[in-house]
Amino acid sequence: MKHLLPTSSTQAIKIIPRVYSTSVSMDLRDDSTNTSVSITPTATKVGNYIELSSVFDLKEGRFYDLKVIQTSTQKIIYRDKIFCTVQSTNQSNNEHYTVNKDQYKSKSGNNDFIIL
């Protein structure tokens, strides 16, 4: 799953496709509204990856289905899910997405049981 920001600036994602082609198009389908958008990104080969750069029009807190299509054959060369959020999500730093960020404060206290 890829994480992107709800911004109007250019963002990039790296993929490992079935076929290494730089002439591709992307189909994004919003899971909430079931609407699809076709995007023609700037694709560059970087090592074993293909980096796709484009301006994505995404809404906060929504999931999207991603299909990368090779334009010459019209075959799907990559599929994935995208989640749009402004929260930092870096699992190596133990930063996970939470729906209740900055809303729920847990109280720490004495959790001893009294047995009579």
PDB file of N, CA and C in Angstrom:
ATOM      1  N   MET A   1       0.840  -1.162   0.000  1.00  0.00           N
ATOM      2  CA  MET A   1       0.000   0.000   0.000  1.00  0.00           C
ATOM      3  C   MET A   1       0.895   1.237   0.000  1.00  0.00           C
ATOM      4  N   LYS A   2       0.510   2.201  -0.812  1.00  0.00           N
ATOM      5  CA  LYS A   2       1.229   3.462  -0.915  1.00  0.00           C
ATOM      6  C   LYS A   2       0.494   4.523  -0.108  1.00  0.00           C
ATOM      7  N   HIS A   3       1.245   5.435   0.492  1.00  0.00           N
ATOM      8  CA  HIS A   3       0.674   6.542   1.248  1.00  0.00           C
ATOM      9  C   HIS A   3       1.022   7.831   0.527  1.00  0.00           C
ATOM     10  N   LEU A   4       0.000   8.628   0.214  1.00  0.00           N
ATOM     11  CA  LEU A   4       0.203   9.913  -0.441  1.00  0.00           C
ATOM     12  C   LEU A   4      -0.482  11.000   0.358  1.00  0.00           C
ATOM     13  N   LEU A   5      -0.108  12.243   0.073  1.00  0.00           N
ATOM     14  CA  LEU A   5      -0.657  13.395   0.771  1.00  0.00           C
ATOM     15  C   LEU A   5      -1.781  14.035  -0.031  1.00  0.00           C
ATOM     16  N   PRO A   6      -2.734  14.680   0.645  1.00  0.00           N
ATOM     17  CA  PRO A   6      -3.792  15.398  -0.079  1.00  0.00           C
ATOM     18  C   PRO A   6      -3.318  16.807  -0.446  1.00  0.00           C
ATOM     19  N   THR A   7      -2.414  16.902  -1.402  1.00  0.00           N
ATOM     20  CA  THR A   7      -1.821  18.171  -1.795  1.00  0.00           C
ATOM     21  C   THR A   7      -1.901  18.344  -3.297  1.00  0.00           C
ATOM     22  N   SER A   8      -1.742  19.569  -3.751  1.00  0.00           N
ATOM     23  CA  SER A   8      -1.796  19.837  -5.190  1.00  0.00           C
ATOM     24  C   SER A   8      -0.403  19.954  -5.801  1.00  0.00           C
ATOM     25  N   SER A   9       0.623  19.528  -5.085  1.00  0.00           N
ATOM     26  CA  SER A   9       1.976  19.529  -5.634  1.00  0.00           C
ATOM     27  C   SER A   9       2.319  18.141  -6.174  1.00  0.00           C
ATOM     28  N   THR A  10       3.413  18.066  -6.898  1.00  0.00           N
ATOM     29  CA  THR A  10       3.834  16.812  -7.514  1.00  0.00           C
ATOM     30  C   THR A  10       4.336  15.834  -6.455  1.00  0.00           C
ATOM     31  N   GLN A  11       3.868  14.591  -6.544  1.00  0.00           N
ATOM     32  CA  GLN A  11       4.300  13.524  -5.657  1.00  0.00           C
ATOM     33  C   GLN A  11       4.816  12.368  -6.499  1.00  0.00           C
ATOM     34  N   ALA A  12       5.661  11.544  -5.917  1.00  0.00           N
ATOM     35  CA  ALA A  12       6.243  10.418  -6.640  1.00  0.00           C
ATOM     36  C   ALA A  12       6.053   9.130  -5.853  1.00  0.00           C
ATOM     37  N   ILE A  13       5.803   8.047  -6.591  1.00  0.00           N
ATOM     38  CA  ILE A  13       5.755   6.722  -5.989  1.00  0.00           C
ATOM     39  C   ILE A  13       6.688   5.819  -6.778  1.00  0.00           C
ATOM     40  N   LYS A  14       7.288   4.865  -6.092  1.00  0.00           N
ATOM     41  CA  LYS A  14       8.164   3.895  -6.743  1.00  0.00           C
ATOM     42  C   LYS A  14       7.448   2.556  -6.790  1.00  0.00           C
ATOM     43  N   ILE A  15       7.535   1.905  -7.955  1.00  0.00           N
ATOM     44  CA  ILE A  15       6.875   0.614  -8.128  1.00  0.00           C
ATOM     45  C   ILE A  15       7.853  -0.367  -8.758  1.00  0.00           C
ATOM     46  N   ILE A  16       7.574  -1.644  -8.586  1.00  0.00           N
ATOM     47  CA  ILE A  16       8.287  -2.712  -9.294  1.00  0.00           C
ATOM     48  C   ILE A  16       7.252  -3.378 -10.190  1.00  0.00           C
ATOM     49  N   PRO A  17       7.188  -3.005 -11.463  1.00  0.00           N
ATOM     50  CA  PRO A  17       6.132  -3.505 -12.345  1.00  0.00           C
ATOM     51  C   PRO A  17       6.482  -4.858 -12.954  1.00  0.00           C
ATOM     52  N   ARG A  18       5.517  -5.435 -13.643  1.00  0.00           N
ATOM     53  CA  ARG A  18       5.739  -6.696 -14.367  1.00  0.00           C
ATOM     54  C   ARG A  18       6.620  -6.464 -15.590  1.00  0.00           C
ATOM     55  N   VAL A  19       6.432  -5.306 -16.237  1.00  0.00           N
ATOM     56  CA  VAL A  19       7.200  -4.937 -17.433  1.00  0.00           C
ATOM     57  C   VAL A  19       7.778  -3.550 -17.188  1.00  0.00           C
ATOM     58  N   TYR A  20       9.072  -3.382 -17.432  1.00  0.00           N
ATOM     59  CA  TYR A  20       9.709  -2.083 -17.231  1.00  0.00           C
ATOM     60  C   TYR A  20       9.493  -1.221 -18.460  1.00  0.00           C
ATOM     61  N   SER A  21       8.488  -0.373 -18.402  1.00  0.00           N
ATOM     62  CA  SER A  21       8.151   0.528 -19.490  1.00  0.00           C
ATOM     63  C   SER A  21       7.966   1.922 -18.910  1.00  0.00           C
ATOM     64  N   THR A  22       8.433   2.934 -19.641  1.00  0.00           N
ATOM     65  CA  THR A  22       8.270   4.304 -19.165  1.00  0.00           C
ATOM     66  C   THR A  22       7.126   5.028 -19.867  1.00  0.00           C
ATOM     67  N   SER A  23       6.462   4.370 -20.797  1.00  0.00           N
ATOM     68  CA  SER A  23       5.260   4.956 -21.412  1.00  0.00           C
ATOM     69  C   SER A  23       4.043   4.266 -20.801  1.00  0.00           C
ATOM     70  N   VAL A  24       3.566   4.867 -19.712  1.00  0.00           N
ATOM     71  CA  VAL A  24       2.477   4.266 -18.941  1.00  0.00           C
ATOM     72  C   VAL A  24       1.406   5.305 -18.647  1.00  0.00           C
ATOM     73  N   SER A  25       0.239   4.808 -18.290  1.00  0.00           N
ATOM     74  CA  SER A  25      -0.835   5.639 -17.764  1.00  0.00           C
ATOM     75  C   SER A  25      -1.313   5.007 -16.468  1.00  0.00           C
ATOM     76  N   MET A  26      -1.969   5.803 -15.636  1.00  0.00           N
ATOM     77  CA  MET A  26      -2.440   5.320 -14.346  1.00  0.00           C
ATOM     78  C   MET A  26      -3.943   5.530 -14.244  1.00  0.00           C
ATOM     79  N   ASP A  27      -4.632   4.554 -13.695  1.00  0.00           N
ATOM     80  CA  ASP A  27      -6.046   4.679 -13.386  1.00  0.00           C
ATOM     81  C   ASP A  27      -6.196   4.647 -11.875  1.00  0.00           C
ATOM     82  N   LEU A  28      -6.812   5.691 -11.320  1.00  0.00           N
ATOM     83  CA  LEU A  28      -7.096   5.754  -9.895  1.00  0.00           C
ATOM     84  C   LEU A  28      -8.601   5.684  -9.698  1.00  0.00           C
ATOM     85  N   ARG A  29      -9.037   4.727  -8.877  1.00  0.00           N
ATOM     86  CA  ARG A  29     -10.459   4.589  -8.574  1.00  0.00           C
ATOM     87  C   ARG A  29     -10.670   4.851  -7.097  1.00  0.00           C
ATOM     88  N   ASP A  30     -11.516   5.821  -6.790  1.00  0.00           N
ATOM     89  CA  ASP A  30     -11.855   6.150  -5.418  1.00  0.00           C
ATOM     90  C   ASP A  30     -12.794   5.073  -4.879  1.00  0.00           C
ATOM     91  N   ASP A  31     -12.414   4.447  -3.761  1.00  0.00           N
ATOM     92  CA  ASP A  31     -13.243   3.381  -3.185  1.00  0.00           C
ATOM     93  C   ASP A  31     -14.552   3.910  -2.609  1.00  0.00           C
ATOM     94  N   SER A  32     -14.590   5.157  -2.179  1.00  0.00           N
ATOM     95  CA  SER A  32     -15.799   5.715  -1.568  1.00  0.00           C
ATOM     96  C   SER A  32     -16.857   6.077  -2.596  1.00  0.00           C
ATOM     97  N   THR A  33     -16.433   6.699  -3.696  1.00  0.00           N
ATOM     98  CA  THR A  33     -17.393   7.177  -4.692  1.00  0.00           C
ATOM     99  C   THR A  33     -17.441   6.314  -5.939  1.00  0.00           C
ATOM    100  N   ASN A  34     -16.513   5.369  -6.084  1.00  0.00           N
ATOM    101  CA  ASN A  34     -16.423   4.477  -7.240  1.00  0.00           C
ATOM    102  C   ASN A  34     -16.248   5.257  -8.554  1.00  0.00           C
ATOM    103  N   THR A  35     -15.518   6.364  -8.490  1.00  0.00           N
ATOM    104  CA  THR A  35     -15.206   7.136  -9.690  1.00  0.00           C
ATOM    105  C   THR A  35     -13.741   6.928 -10.048  1.00  0.00           C
ATOM    106  N   SER A  36     -13.467   6.878 -11.345  1.00  0.00           N
ATOM    107  CA  SER A  36     -12.108   6.644 -11.820  1.00  0.00           C
ATOM    108  C   SER A  36     -11.557   7.870 -12.524  1.00  0.00           C
ATOM    109  N   VAL A  37     -10.241   8.049 -12.389  1.00  0.00           N
ATOM    110  CA  VAL A  37      -9.527   9.141 -13.043  1.00  0.00           C
ATOM    111  C   VAL A  37      -8.310   8.544 -13.723  1.00  0.00           C
ATOM    112  N   SER A  38      -8.050   8.956 -14.958  1.00  0.00           N
ATOM    113  CA  SER A  38      -6.871   8.502 -15.688  1.00  0.00           C
ATOM    114  C   SER A  38      -5.812   9.595 -15.648  1.00  0.00           C
ATOM    115  N   ILE A  39      -4.578   9.211 -15.315  1.00  0.00           N
ATOM    116  CA  ILE A  39      -3.464  10.143 -15.183  1.00  0.00           C
ATOM    117  C   ILE A  39      -2.320   9.650 -16.055  1.00  0.00           C
ATOM    118  N   THR A  40      -1.640  10.572 -16.722  1.00  0.00           N
ATOM    119  CA  THR A  40      -0.431  10.235 -17.467  1.00  0.00           C
ATOM    120  C   THR A  40       0.763  10.796 -16.694  1.00  0.00           C
ATOM    121  N   PRO A  41       1.463   9.944 -15.931  1.00  0.00           N
ATOM    122  CA  PRO A  41       2.559  10.434 -15.090  1.00  0.00           C
ATOM    123  C   PRO A  41       3.868  10.531 -15.868  1.00  0.00           C
ATOM    124  N   THR A  42       4.837  11.167 -15.245  1.00  0.00           N
ATOM    125  CA  THR A  42       6.207  11.155 -15.740  1.00  0.00           C
ATOM    126  C   THR A  42       6.873   9.924 -15.146  1.00  0.00           C
ATOM    127  N   ALA A  43       7.293   8.996 -15.999  1.00  0.00           N
ATOM    128  CA  ALA A  43       7.874   7.734 -15.527  1.00  0.00           C
ATOM    129  C   ALA A  43       9.364   7.694 -15.855  1.00  0.00           C
ATOM    130  N   THR A  44      10.170   7.377 -14.850  1.00  0.00           N
ATOM    131  CA  THR A  44      11.610   7.222 -15.039  1.00  0.00           C
ATOM    132  C   THR A  44      12.052   5.933 -14.363  1.00  0.00           C
ATOM    133  N   LYS A  45      13.019   5.259 -14.969  1.00  0.00           N
ATOM    134  CA  LYS A  45      13.564   4.022 -14.403  1.00  0.00           C
ATOM    135  C   LYS A  45      14.704   4.385 -13.462  1.00  0.00           C
ATOM    136  N   VAL A  46      14.575   3.985 -12.213  1.00  0.00           N
ATOM    137  CA  VAL A  46      15.578   4.258 -11.185  1.00  0.00           C
ATOM    138  C   VAL A  46      15.979   2.925 -10.578  1.00  0.00           C
ATOM    139  N   GLY A  47      17.096   2.375 -11.024  1.00  0.00           N
ATOM    140  CA  GLY A  47      17.535   1.069 -10.531  1.00  0.00           C
ATOM    141  C   GLY A  47      16.555  -0.011 -10.939  1.00  0.00           C
ATOM    142  N   ASN A  48      16.030  -0.735  -9.965  1.00  0.00           N
ATOM    143  CA  ASN A  48      15.044  -1.777 -10.228  1.00  0.00           C
ATOM    144  C   ASN A  48      13.612  -1.278 -10.097  1.00  0.00           C
ATOM    145  N   TYR A  49      13.432   0.011  -9.950  1.00  0.00           N
ATOM    146  CA  TYR A  49      12.118   0.613  -9.767  1.00  0.00           C
ATOM    147  C   TYR A  49      11.753   1.473 -10.965  1.00  0.00           C
ATOM    148  N   ILE A  50      10.477   1.781 -11.063  1.00  0.00           N
ATOM    149  CA  ILE A  50      10.009   2.839 -11.945  1.00  0.00           C
ATOM    150  C   ILE A  50       9.367   3.874 -11.041  1.00  0.00           C
ATOM    151  N   GLU A  51       9.825   5.113 -11.171  1.00  0.00           N
ATOM    152  CA  GLU A  51       9.294   6.193 -10.357  1.00  0.00           C
ATOM    153  C   GLU A  51       8.259   6.956 -11.171  1.00  0.00           C
ATOM    154  N   LEU A  52       7.050   7.050 -10.629  1.00  0.00           N
ATOM    155  CA  LEU A  52       5.946   7.731 -11.290  1.00  0.00           C
ATOM    156  C   LEU A  52       5.679   9.039 -10.561  1.00  0.00           C
ATOM    157  N   SER A  53       5.817  10.158 -11.283  1.00  0.00           N
ATOM    158  CA  SER A  53       5.610  11.476 -10.695  1.00  0.00           C
ATOM    159  C   SER A  53       4.421  12.143 -11.365  1.00  0.00           C
ATOM    160  N   SER A  54       3.542  12.696 -10.549  1.00  0.00           N
ATOM    161  CA  SER A  54       2.372  13.384 -11.075  1.00  0.00           C
ATOM    162  C   SER A  54       1.706  14.167  -9.946  1.00  0.00           C
ATOM    163  N   VAL A  55       0.739  14.985 -10.326  1.00  0.00           N
ATOM    164  CA  VAL A  55      -0.109  15.661  -9.351  1.00  0.00           C
ATOM    165  C   VAL A  55      -1.356  14.806  -9.177  1.00  0.00           C
ATOM    166  N   PHE A  56      -1.575  14.314  -7.967  1.00  0.00           N
ATOM    167  CA  PHE A  56      -2.714  13.463  -7.670  1.00  0.00           C
ATOM    168  C   PHE A  56      -3.757  14.303  -6.946  1.00  0.00           C
ATOM    169  N   ASP A  57      -4.997  14.241  -7.374  1.00  0.00           N
ATOM    170  CA  ASP A  57      -6.087  14.953  -6.712  1.00  0.00           C
ATOM    171  C   ASP A  57      -6.771  13.981  -5.760  1.00  0.00           C
ATOM    172  N   LEU A  58      -6.247  13.914  -4.520  1.00  0.00           N
ATOM    173  CA  LEU A  58      -6.713  12.934  -3.548  1.00  0.00           C
ATOM    174  C   LEU A  58      -7.352  13.620  -2.361  1.00  0.00           C
ATOM    175  N   LYS A  59      -8.277  12.930  -1.719  1.00  0.00           N
ATOM    176  CA  LYS A  59      -8.986  13.441  -0.550  1.00  0.00           C
ATOM    177  C   LYS A  59      -8.471  12.737   0.709  1.00  0.00           C
ATOM    178  N   GLU A  60      -8.419  13.468   1.799  1.00  0.00           N
ATOM    179  CA  GLU A  60      -7.929  12.974   3.082  1.00  0.00           C
ATOM    180  C   GLU A  60      -8.768  11.802   3.592  1.00  0.00           C
ATOM    181  N   GLY A  61      -8.091  10.736   4.027  1.00  0.00           N
ATOM    182  CA  GLY A  61      -8.753   9.605   4.658  1.00  0.00           C
ATOM    183  C   GLY A  61      -9.438   8.646   3.704  1.00  0.00           C
ATOM    184  N   ARG A  62      -9.135   8.699   2.419  1.00  0.00           N
ATOM    185  CA  ARG A  62      -9.775   7.807   1.452  1.00  0.00           C
ATOM    186  C   ARG A  62      -8.779   6.813   0.870  1.00  0.00           C
ATOM    187  N   PHE A  63      -9.327   5.675   0.442  1.00  0.00           N
ATOM    188  CA  PHE A  63      -8.555   4.639  -0.219  1.00  0.00           C
ATOM    189  C   PHE A  63      -8.796   4.714  -1.724  1.00  0.00           C
ATOM    190  N   TYR A  64      -7.769   4.390  -2.487  1.00  0.00           N
ATOM    191  CA  TYR A  64      -7.845   4.401  -3.953  1.00  0.00           C
ATOM    192  C   TYR A  64      -7.225   3.120  -4.492  1.00  0.00           C
ATOM    193  N   ASP A  65      -7.802   2.599  -5.573  1.00  0.00           N
ATOM    194  CA  ASP A  65      -7.208   1.476  -6.293  1.00  0.00           C
ATOM    195  C   ASP A  65      -6.342   2.048  -7.406  1.00  0.00           C
ATOM    196  N   LEU A  66      -5.121   1.547  -7.523  1.00  0.00           N
ATOM    197  CA  LEU A  66      -4.174   2.032  -8.522  1.00  0.00           C
ATOM    198  C   LEU A  66      -3.909   0.946  -9.545  1.00  0.00           C
ATOM    199  N   LYS A  67      -4.036   1.295 -10.825  1.00  0.00           N
ATOM    200  CA  LYS A  67      -3.642   0.410 -11.921  1.00  0.00           C
ATOM    201  C   LYS A  67      -2.672   1.181 -12.804  1.00  0.00           C
ATOM    202  N   VAL A  68      -1.524   0.588 -13.070  1.00  0.00           N
ATOM    203  CA  VAL A  68      -0.564   1.176 -14.003  1.00  0.00           C
ATOM    204  C   VAL A  68      -0.647   0.360 -15.282  1.00  0.00           C
ATOM    205  N   ILE A  69      -0.907   1.054 -16.386  1.00  0.00           N
ATOM    206  CA  ILE A  69      -1.161   0.396 -17.671  1.00  0.00           C
ATOM    207  C   ILE A  69      -0.081   0.804 -18.669  1.00  0.00           C
ATOM    208  N   GLN A  70       0.504  -0.191 -19.328  1.00  0.00           N
ATOM    209  CA  GLN A  70       1.472   0.078 -20.394  1.00  0.00           C
ATOM    210  C   GLN A  70       0.689   0.585 -21.607  1.00  0.00           C
ATOM    211  N   THR A  71       1.062   1.748 -22.134  1.00  0.00           N
ATOM    212  CA  THR A  71       0.251   2.377 -23.179  1.00  0.00           C
ATOM    213  C   THR A  71       0.334   1.660 -24.518  1.00  0.00           C
ATOM    214  N   SER A  72       1.431   1.004 -24.813  1.00  0.00           N
ATOM    215  CA  SER A  72       1.558   0.344 -26.125  1.00  0.00           C
ATOM    216  C   SER A  72       0.711  -0.923 -26.224  1.00  0.00           C
ATOM    217  N   THR A  73       0.600  -1.685 -25.130  1.00  0.00           N
ATOM    218  CA  THR A  73      -0.145  -2.949 -25.165  1.00  0.00           C
ATOM    219  C   THR A  73      -1.483  -2.871 -24.437  1.00  0.00           C
ATOM    220  N   GLN A  74      -1.716  -1.807 -23.678  1.00  0.00           N
ATOM    221  CA  GLN A  74      -2.924  -1.641 -22.856  1.00  0.00           C
ATOM    222  C   GLN A  74      -3.082  -2.753 -21.826  1.00  0.00           C
ATOM    223  N   LYS A  75      -1.966  -3.307 -21.361  1.00  0.00           N
ATOM    224  CA  LYS A  75      -1.992  -4.335 -20.322  1.00  0.00           C
ATOM    225  C   LYS A  75      -1.619  -3.730 -18.975  1.00  0.00           C
ATOM    226  N   ILE A  76      -2.229  -4.263 -17.932  1.00  0.00           N
ATOM    227  CA  ILE A  76      -1.937  -3.808 -16.576  1.00  0.00           C
ATOM    228  C   ILE A  76      -0.599  -4.397 -16.145  1.00  0.00           C
ATOM    229  N   ILE A  77       0.333  -3.515 -15.777  1.00  0.00           N
ATOM    230  CA  ILE A  77       1.654  -3.980 -15.367  1.00  0.00           C
ATOM    231  C   ILE A  77       1.883  -3.824 -13.860  1.00  0.00           C
ATOM    232  N   TYR A  78       0.940  -3.183 -13.159  1.00  0.00           N
ATOM    233  CA  TYR A  78       1.086  -3.011 -11.713  1.00  0.00           C
ATOM    234  C   TYR A  78      -0.270  -2.657 -11.109  1.00  0.00           C
ATOM    235  N   ARG A  79      -0.554  -3.204  -9.912  1.00  0.00           N
ATOM    236  CA  ARG A  79      -1.762  -2.885  -9.143  1.00  0.00           C
ATOM    237  C   ARG A  79      -1.362  -2.648  -7.700  1.00  0.00           C
ATOM    238  N   ASP A  80      -2.073  -1.725  -7.073  1.00  0.00           N
ATOM    239  CA  ASP A  80      -1.798  -1.451  -5.664  1.00  0.00           C
ATOM    240  C   ASP A  80      -2.957  -0.653  -5.080  1.00  0.00           C
ATOM    241  N   LYS A  81      -2.885  -0.383  -3.782  1.00  0.00           N
ATOM    242  CA  LYS A  81      -3.833   0.476  -3.083  1.00  0.00           C
ATOM    243  C   LYS A  81      -3.084   1.732  -2.642  1.00  0.00           C
ATOM    244  N   ILE A  82      -3.806   2.857  -2.623  1.00  0.00           N
ATOM    245  CA  ILE A  82      -3.257   4.121  -2.137  1.00  0.00           C
ATOM    246  C   ILE A  82      -4.146   4.595  -1.005  1.00  0.00           C
ATOM    247  N   PHE A  83      -3.513   5.069   0.067  1.00  0.00           N
ATOM    248  CA  PHE A  83      -4.251   5.692   1.160  1.00  0.00           C
ATOM    249  C   PHE A  83      -3.753   7.114   1.299  1.00  0.00           C
ATOM    250  N   CYS A  84      -4.678   8.050   1.353  1.00  0.00           N
ATOM    251  CA  CYS A  84      -4.350   9.467   1.422  1.00  0.00           C
ATOM    252  C   CYS A  84      -4.482   9.951   2.861  1.00  0.00           C
ATOM    253  N   THR A  85      -3.386  10.473   3.432  1.00  0.00           N
ATOM    254  CA  THR A  85      -3.394  10.977   4.797  1.00  0.00           C
ATOM    255  C   THR A  85      -2.289  12.009   4.980  1.00  0.00           C
ATOM    256  N   VAL A  86      -2.484  12.934   5.928  1.00  0.00           N
ATOM    257  CA  VAL A  86      -1.452  13.899   6.267  1.00  0.00           C
ATOM    258  C   VAL A  86      -0.632  13.432   7.464  1.00  0.00           C
ATOM    259  N   GLN A  87      -1.049  12.355   8.101  1.00  0.00           N
ATOM    260  CA  GLN A  87      -0.296  11.817   9.229  1.00  0.00           C
ATOM    261  C   GLN A  87       0.981  11.172   8.725  1.00  0.00           C
ATOM    262  N   SER A  88       2.043  11.299   9.505  1.00  0.00           N
ATOM    263  CA  SER A  88       3.279  10.622   9.140  1.00  0.00           C
ATOM    264  C   SER A  88       3.133   9.146   9.487  1.00  0.00           C
ATOM    265  N   THR A  89       3.453   8.291   8.528  1.00  0.00           N
ATOM    266  CA  THR A  89       3.315   6.847   8.721  1.00  0.00           C
ATOM    267  C   THR A  89       4.633   6.184   8.364  1.00  0.00           C
ATOM    268  N   ASN A  90       5.495   6.064   9.344  1.00  0.00           N
ATOM    269  CA  ASN A  90       6.781   5.421   9.156  1.00  0.00           C
ATOM    270  C   ASN A  90       6.884   4.297  10.177  1.00  0.00           C
ATOM    271  N   GLN A  91       6.694   3.071   9.723  1.00  0.00           N
ATOM    272  CA  GLN A  91       6.635   1.942  10.648  1.00  0.00           C
ATOM    273  C   GLN A  91       7.981   1.649  11.295  1.00  0.00           C
ATOM    274  N   SER A  92       9.084   2.006  10.641  1.00  0.00           N
ATOM    275  CA  SER A  92      10.381   1.771  11.263  1.00  0.00           C
ATOM    276  C   SER A  92      10.606   2.697  12.458  1.00  0.00           C
ATOM    277  N   ASN A  93       9.910   3.838  12.492  1.00  0.00           N
ATOM    278  CA  ASN A  93       9.977   4.742  13.647  1.00  0.00           C
ATOM    279  C   ASN A  93       8.787   4.563  14.583  1.00  0.00           C
ATOM    280  N   ASN A  94       8.003   3.518  14.377  1.00  0.00           N
ATOM    281  CA  ASN A  94       6.818   3.217  15.180  1.00  0.00           C
ATOM    282  C   ASN A  94       5.746   4.292  15.058  1.00  0.00           C
ATOM    283  N   GLU A  95       5.623   4.907  13.884  1.00  0.00           N
ATOM    284  CA  GLU A  95       4.579   5.891  13.619  1.00  0.00           C
ATOM    285  C   GLU A  95       3.519   5.223  12.756  1.00  0.00           C
ATOM    286  N   HIS A  96       2.384   4.910  13.365  1.00  0.00           N
ATOM    287  CA  HIS A  96       1.310   4.233  12.674  1.00  0.00           C
ATOM    288  C   HIS A  96       0.129   5.170  12.505  1.00  0.00           C
ATOM    289  N   TYR A  97      -0.697   4.915  11.516  1.00  0.00           N
ATOM    290  CA  TYR A  97      -1.894   5.710  11.295  1.00  0.00           C
ATOM    291  C   TYR A  97      -2.927   5.381  12.352  1.00  0.00           C
ATOM    292  N   THR A  98      -3.587   6.400  12.867  1.00  0.00           N
ATOM    293  CA  THR A  98      -4.671   6.199  13.805  1.00  0.00           C
ATOM    294  C   THR A  98      -5.813   7.154  13.472  1.00  0.00           C
ATOM    295  N   VAL A  99      -7.019   6.654  13.553  1.00  0.00           N
ATOM    296  CA  VAL A  99      -8.197   7.463  13.264  1.00  0.00           C
ATOM    297  C   VAL A  99      -8.391   8.513  14.348  1.00  0.00           C
ATOM    298  N   ASN A 100      -8.007   8.191  15.587  1.00  0.00           N
ATOM    299  CA  ASN A 100      -8.229   9.062  16.742  1.00  0.00           C
ATOM    300  C   ASN A 100      -7.009   9.901  17.097  1.00  0.00           C
ATOM    301  N   LYS A 101      -6.179  10.245  16.139  1.00  0.00           N
ATOM    302  CA  LYS A 101      -4.966  11.007  16.439  1.00  0.00           C
ATOM    303  C   LYS A 101      -5.330  12.347  17.072  1.00  0.00           C
ATOM    304  N   ASP A 102      -4.721  12.633  18.213  1.00  0.00           N
ATOM    305  CA  ASP A 102      -4.900  13.863  18.983  1.00  0.00           C
ATOM    306  C   ASP A 102      -6.326  14.051  19.489  1.00  0.00           C
ATOM    307  N   GLN A 103      -7.136  13.013  19.536  1.00  0.00           N
ATOM    308  CA  GLN A 103      -8.496  13.130  20.036  1.00  0.00           C
ATOM    309  C   GLN A 103      -8.691  12.353  21.335  1.00  0.00           C
ATOM    310  N   TYR A 104      -8.020  11.233  21.475  1.00  0.00           N
ATOM    311  CA  TYR A 104      -8.223  10.378  22.639  1.00  0.00           C
ATOM    312  C   TYR A 104      -6.961  10.392  23.487  1.00  0.00           C
ATOM    313  N   LYS A 105      -7.107  10.705  24.746  1.00  0.00           N
ATOM    314  CA  LYS A 105      -5.991  10.691  25.689  1.00  0.00           C
ATOM    315  C   LYS A 105      -6.256   9.593  26.709  1.00  0.00           C
ATOM    316  N   SER A 106      -5.338   8.671  26.811  1.00  0.00           N
ATOM    317  CA  SER A 106      -5.525   7.597  27.785  1.00  0.00           C
ATOM    318  C   SER A 106      -4.960   8.035  29.133  1.00  0.00           C
ATOM    319  N   LYS A 107      -5.632   7.650  30.183  1.00  0.00           N
ATOM    320  CA  LYS A 107      -5.188   7.968  31.526  1.00  0.00           C
ATOM    321  C   LYS A 107      -4.384   6.797  32.057  1.00  0.00           C
ATOM    322  N   SER A 108      -3.247   7.099  32.595  1.00  0.00           N
ATOM    323  CA  SER A 108      -2.486   6.031  33.232  1.00  0.00           C
ATOM    324  C   SER A 108      -2.718   6.134  34.732  1.00  0.00           C
ATOM    325  N   GLY A 109      -2.843   5.014  35.323  1.00  0.00           N
ATOM    326  CA  GLY A 109      -3.101   5.014  36.762  1.00  0.00           C
ATOM    327  C   GLY A 109      -2.871   3.640  37.341  1.00  0.00           C
ATOM    328  N   ASN A 110      -3.424   3.415  38.480  1.00  0.00           N
ATOM    329  CA  ASN A 110      -3.258   2.163  39.176  1.00  0.00           C
ATOM    330  C   ASN A 110      -4.323   1.188  38.685  1.00  0.00           C
ATOM    331  N   ASN A 111      -3.883   0.108  38.098  1.00  0.00           N
ATOM    332  CA  ASN A 111      -4.791  -0.912  37.590  1.00  0.00           C
ATOM    333  C   ASN A 111      -4.820  -2.157  38.492  1.00  0.00           C
ATOM    334  N   ASP A 112      -4.553  -1.968  39.772  1.00  0.00           N
ATOM    335  CA  ASP A 112      -4.548  -3.088  40.695  1.00  0.00           C
ATOM    336  C   ASP A 112      -5.985  -3.531  40.991  1.00  0.00           C
ATOM    337  N   PHE A 113      -6.191  -4.812  41.049  1.00  0.00           N
ATOM    338  CA  PHE A 113      -7.495  -5.368  41.405  1.00  0.00           C
ATOM    339  C   PHE A 113      -7.549  -5.596  42.914  1.00  0.00           C
ATOM    340  N   ILE A 114      -8.690  -5.333  43.445  1.00  0.00           N
ATOM    341  CA  ILE A 114      -8.894  -5.579  44.862  1.00  0.00           C
ATOM    342  C   ILE A 114      -9.715  -6.864  44.983  1.00  0.00           C
ATOM    343  N   ILE A 115      -9.148  -7.856  45.616  1.00  0.00           N
ATOM    344  CA  ILE A 115      -9.820  -9.128  45.813  1.00  0.00           C
ATOM    345  C   ILE A 115     -10.248  -9.229  47.276  1.00  0.00           C
ATOM    346  N   LEU A 116     -11.527  -9.439  47.497  1.00  0.00           N
ATOM    347  CA  LEU A 116     -12.042  -9.528  48.872  1.00  0.00           C
ATOM    348  C   LEU A 116     -12.221 -10.961  49.283  1.00  0.00           C
TER     349      LEU A 116
END
